[in-house]
C-alpha cells in the first residue's frame, strides 16, 4: 500500500482495472514503494480530479538504456505511481479516461 498522499490515486487505478506491471523498490534506497501501471497517466487530468498534497510532484524520466517512465512521486514518503512514458501517450490506455 502506498503512502497516504498517493493511496487514493492507486485505489482509483486498481478500481479501473489498470494492470500493475511492477510493485517494489525500483532504483535505490531513496525509493520506498513504486507501483507501475500499464497506462499513460494524464497528470494534468489527475490533478484536476484528485486533491493531491504539495509533496506529490510530477515525474518524467527520459532514460535511454534504463527505460522511460512518467508519473507522480511523493517527495515526503518516496512512494510513486508510474505509468508509460510520454512517447506512448497516444498509443496506450489513458488514465483517467476521457
Protein backbone atom coordinates (compact mmCIF):
# COMPACT_ATOMS: atom_id res chain seq x y z
CA UNK A 1 0.00 0.00 0.00
CA UNK A 2 1.35 3.38 -0.99
CA UNK A 3 1.57 6.34 1.35
CA UNK A 4 -1.45 8.42 2.28
CA UNK A 5 -0.54 11.02 -0.36
CA UNK A 6 -0.90 8.56 -3.26
CA UNK A 7 -3.29 5.94 -1.85
CA UNK A 8 -6.46 7.41 -3.40
CA UNK A 9 -4.84 7.56 -6.84
CA UNK A 10 -3.56 3.99 -6.51
CA UNK A 11 -7.01 2.75 -5.47
CA UNK A 12 -8.66 4.55 -8.41
CA UNK A 13 -6.25 2.91 -10.85
CA UNK A 14 -6.88 -0.52 -9.34
CA UNK A 15 -10.67 0.07 -9.39
CA UNK A 16 -10.38 0.94 -13.09
CA UNK A 17 -8.71 -2.47 -13.64
CA UNK A 18 -5.47 -0.94 -14.89
CA UNK A 19 -2.89 -3.76 -14.72
CA UNK A 20 0.08 -3.39 -12.35
CA UNK A 21 3.32 -4.25 -14.13
CA UNK A 22 5.68 -3.81 -11.16
CA UNK A 23 5.48 -3.03 -7.45
CA UNK A 24 8.57 -2.59 -5.30
CA UNK A 25 11.75 -0.59 -4.78
CA UNK A 26 13.00 0.07 -8.32
CA UNK A 27 16.03 2.33 -8.22
CA UNK A 28 17.65 2.94 -4.85
CA UNK A 29 17.04 3.05 -1.13
CA UNK A 30 15.69 6.57 -1.71
CA UNK A 31 12.63 4.90 -3.31
CA UNK A 32 10.26 3.18 -0.88
CA UNK A 33 7.43 1.64 -2.91
CA UNK A 34 6.78 2.45 -6.55
CA UNK A 35 3.85 0.98 -8.45
CA UNK A 36 3.96 0.86 -12.25
CA UNK A 37 0.69 0.73 -14.17
CA UNK A 38 0.19 -0.28 -17.80
CA UNK A 39 -1.27 3.04 -18.95
CA UNK A 40 -0.38 6.62 -19.68
CA UNK A 41 -1.07 8.81 -16.64
CA UNK A 42 -2.59 12.13 -17.69
CA UNK A 43 -1.06 14.10 -14.84
CA UNK A 44 -3.00 17.31 -15.54
CA UNK A 45 -6.32 15.42 -15.50
CA UNK A 46 -5.27 13.56 -12.35
CA UNK A 47 -4.50 16.84 -10.59
CA UNK A 48 -7.91 18.20 -11.64
CA UNK A 49 -9.70 15.10 -10.34
CA UNK A 50 -7.76 14.33 -7.14
CA UNK A 51 -6.72 16.62 -4.30
CA UNK A 52 -3.01 15.91 -4.12
CA UNK A 53 -0.74 17.30 -1.44
CA UNK A 54 2.08 19.65 -2.45
CA UNK A 55 4.56 16.84 -1.75
CA UNK A 56 3.25 14.94 -4.81
CA UNK A 57 5.31 16.04 -7.78
CA UNK A 58 5.18 15.15 -11.45
CA UNK A 59 7.99 12.87 -12.55
CA UNK A 60 9.28 12.13 -16.05
CA UNK A 61 12.34 10.02 -16.79
CA UNK A 62 13.62 10.06 -20.38
CA UNK A 63 16.05 7.19 -19.93
CA UNK A 64 17.88 5.52 -22.74
CA UNK A 65 19.33 2.21 -21.53
CA UNK A 66 17.36 2.15 -18.27
CA UNK A 67 13.83 2.69 -19.60
CA UNK A 68 11.37 5.55 -19.57
CA UNK A 69 8.53 6.42 -17.23
CA UNK A 70 6.15 9.21 -16.29
CA UNK A 71 4.02 9.56 -13.20
CA UNK A 72 3.83 11.11 -9.76
CA UNK A 73 6.23 10.88 -6.81
CA UNK A 74 5.63 11.71 -3.15
CA UNK A 75 8.73 13.63 -2.15
CA UNK A 76 7.91 13.18 1.54
CA UNK A 77 7.43 9.39 1.63
CA UNK A 78 9.40 8.41 -1.51
CA UNK A 79 6.49 6.42 -2.97
CA UNK A 80 5.37 6.75 -6.56
CA UNK A 81 2.69 5.90 -9.10
CA UNK A 82 4.25 5.42 -12.52
CA UNK A 83 2.86 4.86 -15.97
CA UNK A 84 4.05 4.67 -19.52
CA UNK A 85 6.33 7.36 -20.92
CA UNK A 86 5.27 10.46 -22.85
CA UNK A 87 6.22 8.75 -26.11
CA UNK A 88 3.41 6.22 -25.59
CA UNK A 89 0.64 8.65 -24.55
CA UNK A 90 -1.28 8.39 -27.84
CA UNK A 91 -0.93 4.63 -28.27
CA UNK A 92 -1.65 3.44 -24.73
CA UNK A 93 -4.64 3.33 -22.44
CA UNK A 94 -5.05 6.68 -20.69
CA UNK A 95 -5.94 7.32 -17.05
CA UNK A 96 -8.24 8.89 -16.22
CA UNK A 97 -10.21 8.01 -19.30
CA UNK A 98 -11.90 10.94 -21.00
